[in-house]
Amino acid sequence: MLDGKPVGLAHFLFHRSCWHRNSICYLQDLFADPDVRGQGIGRALIEAVYARANAEKAEEVYWMTQDFNANARKLYDRIGGKTPFIVYQKTF
């Protein structure tokens, strides 16, 4: 919220993983209104997800982004760690 107006959202979910004892948190969607980007909204949303995941005793928070999403990746590079994984999928 900025001046009482919603300006962003984050969808996240917790799930089990064969690599962790506790659940992990997938940040599925992050959106900040284009009019307020660069003002810390995305960071605040991610930090809120981090806080919730920590409270739930999740072992990690992770998300994906497109390689050409340069503006968002500047933020992600500061507050998260880039993994060496490449994502494959088959769409039906």
Protein backbone atom coordinates (compact mmCIF):
# COMPACT_ATOMS: atom_id res chain seq x y z
CA MET A 1 0.00 0.00 0.00
CA LEU A 2 1.17 3.47 -0.83
CA ASP A 3 -0.97 6.34 0.40
CA GLY A 4 -3.76 3.83 1.05
CA LYS A 5 -3.66 2.50 -2.53
CA PRO A 6 -2.58 -1.06 -3.41
CA VAL A 7 0.49 -0.85 -5.64
CA GLY A 8 1.76 -4.42 -5.76
CA LEU A 9 1.17 -8.05 -4.97
CA ALA A 10 3.03 -11.24 -4.28
CA HIS A 11 1.65 -14.76 -4.67
CA PHE A 12 3.60 -17.46 -2.86
CA LEU A 13 3.07 -20.99 -1.64
CA PHE A 14 4.76 -23.49 0.62
CA HIS A 15 5.54 -27.01 -0.48
CA ARG A 16 7.61 -30.02 0.45
CA SER A 17 10.88 -30.83 -1.26
CA CYS A 18 12.91 -34.01 -1.38
CA TRP A 19 16.01 -31.88 -0.68
CA HIS A 20 14.82 -30.25 2.57
CA ARG A 21 13.42 -31.43 5.89
CA ASN A 22 10.99 -28.53 6.17
CA SER A 23 8.80 -26.92 3.55
CA ILE A 24 10.18 -24.37 1.12
CA CYS A 25 8.48 -21.29 -0.29
CA TYR A 26 7.92 -20.60 -3.98
CA LEU A 27 7.37 -16.95 -4.87
CA GLN A 28 5.09 -17.54 -7.83
CA ASP A 29 4.27 -14.01 -8.87
CA LEU A 30 5.53 -10.55 -7.97
CA PHE A 31 4.04 -7.39 -9.39
CA ALA A 32 4.58 -3.70 -8.72
CA ASP A 33 2.51 -1.04 -10.44
CA PRO A 34 4.69 0.45 -13.21
CA ASP A 35 4.00 3.95 -11.85
CA VAL A 36 5.82 3.14 -8.59
CA ARG A 37 8.59 0.84 -9.75
CA GLY A 38 12.00 1.78 -8.41
CA GLN A 39 10.52 2.99 -5.12
CA GLY A 40 11.16 -0.17 -3.08
CA ILE A 41 7.78 -1.84 -3.57
CA GLY A 42 9.23 -5.06 -5.04
CA ARG A 43 11.86 -5.27 -2.32
CA ALA A 44 9.24 -4.72 0.39
CA LEU A 45 7.06 -7.46 -1.06
CA ILE A 46 9.93 -9.93 -1.23
CA GLU A 47 11.03 -9.02 2.29
CA ALA A 48 7.45 -9.69 3.47
CA VAL A 49 7.57 -13.12 1.82
CA TYR A 50 10.94 -13.76 3.49
CA ALA A 51 9.44 -12.84 6.87
CA ARG A 52 6.45 -15.13 6.37
CA ALA A 53 8.68 -17.99 5.20
CA ASN A 54 10.92 -17.51 8.22
CA ALA A 55 7.90 -17.52 10.55
CA GLU A 56 6.71 -20.76 8.93
CA LYS A 57 10.21 -22.25 9.35
CA ALA A 58 10.62 -22.72 5.60
CA GLU A 59 14.18 -23.51 4.61
CA GLU A 60 14.29 -21.26 1.55
CA VAL A 61 12.38 -18.92 -0.72
CA TYR A 62 12.90 -19.26 -4.46
CA TRP A 63 11.49 -17.82 -7.67
CA MET A 64 12.14 -17.68 -11.38
CA THR A 65 12.34 -14.78 -13.78
CA GLN A 66 13.00 -14.32 -17.46
CA ASP A 67 16.59 -13.69 -18.48
CA PHE A 68 15.65 -10.43 -20.24
CA ASN A 69 13.92 -9.01 -17.13
CA ALA A 70 16.92 -6.76 -16.46
CA ASN A 71 15.27 -4.22 -14.15
CA ALA A 72 13.84 -6.84 -11.82
CA ARG A 73 17.06 -8.85 -11.90
CA LYS A 74 18.98 -5.86 -10.52
CA LEU A 75 16.84 -6.16 -7.39
CA TYR A 76 16.95 -9.96 -7.32
CA ASP A 77 20.74 -9.95 -7.55
CA ARG A 78 20.87 -7.77 -4.42
CA ILE A 79 18.43 -9.72 -2.24
CA GLY A 80 18.72 -13.31 -3.45
CA GLY A 81 21.25 -15.71 -4.86
CA LYS A 82 21.15 -16.78 -8.49
CA THR A 83 21.25 -20.57 -8.82
CA PRO A 84 22.94 -22.56 -11.58
CA PHE A 85 19.67 -24.29 -12.53
CA ILE A 86 18.09 -24.06 -15.97
CA VAL A 87 14.34 -24.65 -16.18
CA TYR A 88 12.86 -27.11 -18.68
CA GLN A 89 9.18 -27.61 -19.30
CA LYS A 90 6.72 -29.19 -21.68
CA THR A 91 3.47 -27.34 -22.24
CA PHE A 92 0.31 -29.19 -23.29
